[in-house]
Amino acid sequence: MAKESMKAREIKRQKLVDQYAAKREKLKTEGDYVGLSRLPRNSNPIRLHNRCKLTGRPKGYMRQFGLSRITFREMASAGLIPGIKKASW
């Protein structure tokens, strides 16, 4: 499980990205790169990192479900994810 501070940092980055999205888009279309450089660094969406919604694990992330591979496997085996069942043949 990820540290709470890392999860909080990602949430803070996401809020900054949302807050400055319109302003960033406007500056990009105008070609004002000096104005872009004056925005906070964490307002750039490139700095976001996908994390598991439950555990905060940064690696092994599955975009379709928003979970890490480990959490996905546990939940799928327990039948907690609709439409997913373990393959057997």
N, C-alpha and C. Protein backbone atom coordinates (compact mmCIF):
# COMPACT_ATOMS: atom_id res chain seq x y z
N MET A 1 0.84 -1.18 0.00
CA MET A 1 0.00 0.00 0.00
C MET A 1 0.88 1.24 0.00
N ALA A 2 0.53 2.20 -0.81
CA ALA A 2 1.30 3.44 -0.93
C ALA A 2 1.13 4.30 0.33
N LYS A 3 2.14 5.16 0.54
CA LYS A 3 2.05 6.07 1.67
C LYS A 3 0.91 7.06 1.42
N GLU A 4 0.28 7.47 2.49
CA GLU A 4 -0.83 8.42 2.38
C GLU A 4 -0.35 9.74 1.79
N SER A 5 0.89 10.12 2.06
CA SER A 5 1.41 11.38 1.52
C SER A 5 1.53 11.33 0.00
N MET A 6 1.86 10.16 -0.55
CA MET A 6 1.97 10.02 -2.00
C MET A 6 0.58 10.11 -2.65
N LYS A 7 -0.39 9.47 -2.02
CA LYS A 7 -1.76 9.55 -2.54
C LYS A 7 -2.28 10.99 -2.49
N ALA A 8 -1.99 11.68 -1.39
CA ALA A 8 -2.43 13.07 -1.23
C ALA A 8 -1.75 13.97 -2.26
N ARG A 9 -0.50 13.70 -2.54
CA ARG A 9 0.24 14.50 -3.52
C ARG A 9 -0.37 14.36 -4.91
N GLU A 10 -0.76 13.14 -5.26
CA GLU A 10 -1.39 12.92 -6.57
C GLU A 10 -2.74 13.63 -6.66
N ILE A 11 -3.50 13.62 -5.58
CA ILE A 11 -4.79 14.31 -5.56
C ILE A 11 -4.58 15.82 -5.71
N LYS A 12 -3.57 16.34 -5.04
CA LYS A 12 -3.25 17.76 -5.13
C LYS A 12 -2.86 18.13 -6.56
N ARG A 13 -2.05 17.29 -7.21
CA ARG A 13 -1.66 17.53 -8.60
C ARG A 13 -2.89 17.53 -9.51
N GLN A 14 -3.80 16.59 -9.29
CA GLN A 14 -5.00 16.50 -10.13
C GLN A 14 -5.85 17.76 -10.00
N LYS A 15 -5.95 18.29 -8.78
CA LYS A 15 -6.71 19.52 -8.58
C LYS A 15 -6.07 20.69 -9.32
N LEU A 16 -4.74 20.77 -9.29
CA LEU A 16 -4.04 21.85 -9.99
C LEU A 16 -4.22 21.73 -11.50
N VAL A 17 -4.17 20.51 -12.01
CA VAL A 17 -4.36 20.29 -13.45
C VAL A 17 -5.75 20.76 -13.85
N ASP A 18 -6.76 20.40 -13.07
CA ASP A 18 -8.13 20.80 -13.37
C ASP A 18 -8.30 22.32 -13.28
N GLN A 19 -7.66 22.92 -12.30
CA GLN A 19 -7.79 24.36 -12.07
C GLN A 19 -7.20 25.17 -13.22
N TYR A 20 -6.05 24.75 -13.74
CA TYR A 20 -5.34 25.52 -14.76
C TYR A 20 -5.55 25.00 -16.18
N ALA A 21 -6.42 24.04 -16.39
CA ALA A 21 -6.60 23.43 -17.72
C ALA A 21 -7.02 24.47 -18.77
N ALA A 22 -8.02 25.28 -18.46
CA ALA A 22 -8.51 26.26 -19.43
C ALA A 22 -7.44 27.32 -19.72
N LYS A 23 -6.79 27.79 -18.69
CA LYS A 23 -5.75 28.81 -18.86
C LYS A 23 -4.58 28.26 -19.66
N ARG A 24 -4.20 27.03 -19.39
CA ARG A 24 -3.11 26.38 -20.11
C ARG A 24 -3.45 26.22 -21.59
N GLU A 25 -4.68 25.82 -21.88
CA GLU A 25 -5.11 25.64 -23.27
C GLU A 25 -5.10 26.97 -24.01
N LYS A 26 -5.56 28.03 -23.35
CA LYS A 26 -5.59 29.37 -23.96
C LYS A 26 -4.17 29.83 -24.29
N LEU A 27 -3.26 29.66 -23.34
CA LEU A 27 -1.87 30.08 -23.56
C LEU A 27 -1.21 29.27 -24.67
N LYS A 28 -1.56 28.00 -24.77
CA LYS A 28 -0.99 27.16 -25.83
C LYS A 28 -1.44 27.61 -27.21
N THR A 29 -2.73 27.93 -27.35
CA THR A 29 -3.24 28.35 -28.65
C THR A 29 -2.65 29.70 -29.07
N GLU A 30 -2.37 30.56 -28.08
CA GLU A 30 -1.76 31.86 -28.38
C GLU A 30 -0.26 31.72 -28.65
N GLY A 31 0.33 30.62 -28.25
CA GLY A 31 1.77 30.44 -28.42
C GLY A 31 2.58 31.18 -27.38
N ASP A 32 1.97 31.50 -26.25
CA ASP A 32 2.64 32.24 -25.18
C ASP A 32 3.36 31.26 -24.25
N TYR A 33 4.59 30.91 -24.62
CA TYR A 33 5.34 29.92 -23.85
C TYR A 33 5.94 30.52 -22.58
N VAL A 34 6.12 31.83 -22.56
CA VAL A 34 6.58 32.49 -21.34
C VAL A 34 5.48 32.42 -20.29
N GLY A 35 4.24 32.66 -20.72
CA GLY A 35 3.10 32.55 -19.81
C GLY A 35 2.92 31.14 -19.30
N LEU A 36 3.14 30.16 -20.18
CA LEU A 36 3.04 28.76 -19.76
C LEU A 36 4.09 28.41 -18.72
N SER A 37 5.29 28.96 -18.89
CA SER A 37 6.37 28.65 -17.94
C SER A 37 6.12 29.26 -16.57
N ARG A 38 5.25 30.27 -16.51
CA ARG A 38 4.95 30.91 -15.22
C ARG A 38 3.88 30.17 -14.42
N LEU A 39 3.19 29.23 -15.07
CA LEU A 39 2.20 28.43 -14.35
C LEU A 39 2.91 27.45 -13.43
N PRO A 40 2.23 26.97 -12.39
CA PRO A 40 2.85 25.98 -11.50
C PRO A 40 3.22 24.71 -12.25
N ARG A 41 4.34 24.12 -11.91
CA ARG A 41 4.80 22.91 -12.61
C ARG A 41 3.81 21.77 -12.48
N ASN A 42 3.22 21.65 -11.32
CA ASN A 42 2.29 20.53 -11.10
C ASN A 42 0.95 20.74 -11.80
N SER A 43 0.76 21.85 -12.49
CA SER A 43 -0.47 22.05 -13.24
C SER A 43 -0.38 21.40 -14.62
N ASN A 44 0.77 20.87 -14.95
CA ASN A 44 0.96 20.18 -16.23
C ASN A 44 0.45 18.74 -16.11
N PRO A 45 -0.45 18.31 -17.00
CA PRO A 45 -1.00 16.95 -16.88
C PRO A 45 0.02 15.84 -17.07
N ILE A 46 1.18 16.16 -17.65
CA ILE A 46 2.22 15.17 -17.84
C ILE A 46 2.74 14.67 -16.49
N ARG A 47 2.68 15.50 -15.48
CA ARG A 47 3.22 15.14 -14.17
C ARG A 47 2.32 14.22 -13.36
N LEU A 48 1.10 13.95 -13.86
CA LEU A 48 0.21 13.02 -13.18
C LEU A 48 0.69 11.59 -13.37
N HIS A 49 0.42 10.75 -12.41
CA HIS A 49 0.79 9.34 -12.51
C HIS A 49 -0.41 8.51 -12.13
N ASN A 50 -0.72 7.51 -12.94
CA ASN A 50 -1.86 6.64 -12.63
C ASN A 50 -1.57 5.82 -11.39
N ARG A 51 -2.53 5.78 -10.50
CA ARG A 51 -2.40 4.99 -9.27
C ARG A 51 -3.68 4.21 -9.03
N CYS A 52 -3.55 3.07 -8.37
CA CYS A 52 -4.70 2.25 -7.99
C CYS A 52 -5.61 3.07 -7.08
N LYS A 53 -6.90 3.00 -7.34
CA LYS A 53 -7.86 3.79 -6.55
C LYS A 53 -7.97 3.30 -5.11
N LEU A 54 -7.68 2.04 -4.87
CA LEU A 54 -7.84 1.49 -3.52
C LEU A 54 -6.53 1.51 -2.73
N THR A 55 -5.44 1.04 -3.35
CA THR A 55 -4.19 0.91 -2.62
C THR A 55 -3.19 2.01 -2.89
N GLY A 56 -3.33 2.70 -4.03
CA GLY A 56 -2.38 3.75 -4.39
C GLY A 56 -1.14 3.22 -5.08
N ARG A 57 -1.12 1.94 -5.42
CA ARG A 57 0.05 1.34 -6.07
C ARG A 57 0.26 1.98 -7.45
N PRO A 58 1.51 2.45 -7.75
CA PRO A 58 1.74 3.12 -9.01
C PRO A 58 2.07 2.18 -10.18
N LYS A 59 2.51 0.98 -9.87
CA LYS A 59 2.90 0.06 -10.94
C LYS A 59 1.84 -1.01 -11.15
N GLY A 60 1.77 -1.55 -12.35
CA GLY A 60 0.80 -2.59 -12.65
C GLY A 60 -0.62 -2.05 -12.69
N TYR A 61 -0.79 -0.83 -13.19
CA TYR A 61 -2.09 -0.16 -13.21
C TYR A 61 -2.87 -0.56 -14.45
N MET A 62 -4.14 -0.90 -14.27
CA MET A 62 -5.01 -1.25 -15.39
C MET A 62 -5.99 -0.10 -15.59
N ARG A 63 -5.86 0.61 -16.72
CA ARG A 63 -6.66 1.81 -16.97
C ARG A 63 -8.15 1.52 -17.01
N GLN A 64 -8.52 0.41 -17.61
CA GLN A 64 -9.93 0.10 -17.80
C GLN A 64 -10.69 0.02 -16.47
N PHE A 65 -9.99 -0.40 -15.43
CA PHE A 65 -10.64 -0.60 -14.13
C PHE A 65 -10.17 0.39 -13.07
N GLY A 66 -9.04 1.06 -13.29
CA GLY A 66 -8.52 1.99 -12.31
C GLY A 66 -7.92 1.31 -11.10
N LEU A 67 -7.50 0.06 -11.29
CA LEU A 67 -6.94 -0.74 -10.20
C LEU A 67 -5.58 -1.30 -10.59
N SER A 68 -4.80 -1.68 -9.58
CA SER A 68 -3.56 -2.36 -9.87
C SER A 68 -3.87 -3.83 -10.17
N ARG A 69 -2.91 -4.51 -10.77
CA ARG A 69 -3.14 -5.90 -11.18
C ARG A 69 -3.44 -6.80 -9.97
N ILE A 70 -2.83 -6.51 -8.84
CA ILE A 70 -3.01 -7.33 -7.65
C ILE A 70 -4.42 -7.15 -7.09
N THR A 71 -4.84 -5.89 -6.95
CA THR A 71 -6.18 -5.60 -6.45
C THR A 71 -7.23 -6.13 -7.41
N PHE A 72 -6.96 -5.98 -8.71
CA PHE A 72 -7.91 -6.48 -9.72
C PHE A 72 -8.09 -7.99 -9.58
N ARG A 73 -7.00 -8.70 -9.41
CA ARG A 73 -7.06 -10.16 -9.31
C ARG A 73 -7.85 -10.59 -8.07
N GLU A 74 -7.58 -9.93 -6.95
CA GLU A 74 -8.30 -10.25 -5.71
C GLU A 74 -9.80 -10.00 -5.85
N MET A 75 -10.14 -8.85 -6.43
CA MET A 75 -11.56 -8.49 -6.57
C MET A 75 -12.26 -9.38 -7.59
N ALA A 76 -11.56 -9.71 -8.69
CA ALA A 76 -12.16 -10.57 -9.71
C ALA A 76 -12.39 -11.97 -9.17
N SER A 77 -11.46 -12.48 -8.38
CA SER A 77 -11.61 -13.82 -7.80
C SER A 77 -12.76 -13.86 -6.80
N ALA A 78 -12.97 -12.74 -6.12
CA ALA A 78 -14.06 -12.68 -5.15
C ALA A 78 -15.40 -12.36 -5.82
N GLY A 79 -15.38 -12.07 -7.14
CA GLY A 79 -16.61 -11.77 -7.86
C GLY A 79 -17.13 -10.37 -7.61
N LEU A 80 -16.25 -9.44 -7.29
CA LEU A 80 -16.67 -8.08 -6.97
C LEU A 80 -16.69 -7.16 -8.20
N ILE A 81 -16.17 -7.63 -9.33
CA ILE A 81 -16.15 -6.81 -10.54
C ILE A 81 -17.17 -7.40 -11.51
N PRO A 82 -18.23 -6.66 -11.84
CA PRO A 82 -19.26 -7.19 -12.72
C PRO A 82 -18.72 -7.51 -14.12
N GLY A 83 -19.12 -8.66 -14.63
CA GLY A 83 -18.73 -9.06 -15.98
C GLY A 83 -17.38 -9.72 -16.09
N ILE A 84 -16.68 -9.88 -14.99
CA ILE A 84 -15.35 -10.50 -15.01
C ILE A 84 -15.44 -11.82 -14.27
N LYS A 85 -14.94 -12.87 -14.93
CA LYS A 85 -14.84 -14.15 -14.24
C LYS A 85 -13.54 -14.82 -14.64
N LYS A 86 -13.08 -15.69 -13.81
CA LYS A 86 -11.81 -16.35 -14.04
C LYS A 86 -11.95 -17.35 -15.19
N ALA A 87 -11.00 -17.27 -16.10
CA ALA A 87 -11.04 -18.18 -17.25
C ALA A 87 -10.59 -19.58 -16.82
N SER A 88 -11.28 -20.58 -17.34
CA SER A 88 -10.87 -21.97 -17.09
C SER A 88 -11.29 -22.80 -18.30
N TRP A 89 -10.39 -23.66 -18.73
CA TRP A 89 -10.70 -24.51 -19.87
C TRP A 89 -10.04 -25.84 -19.75
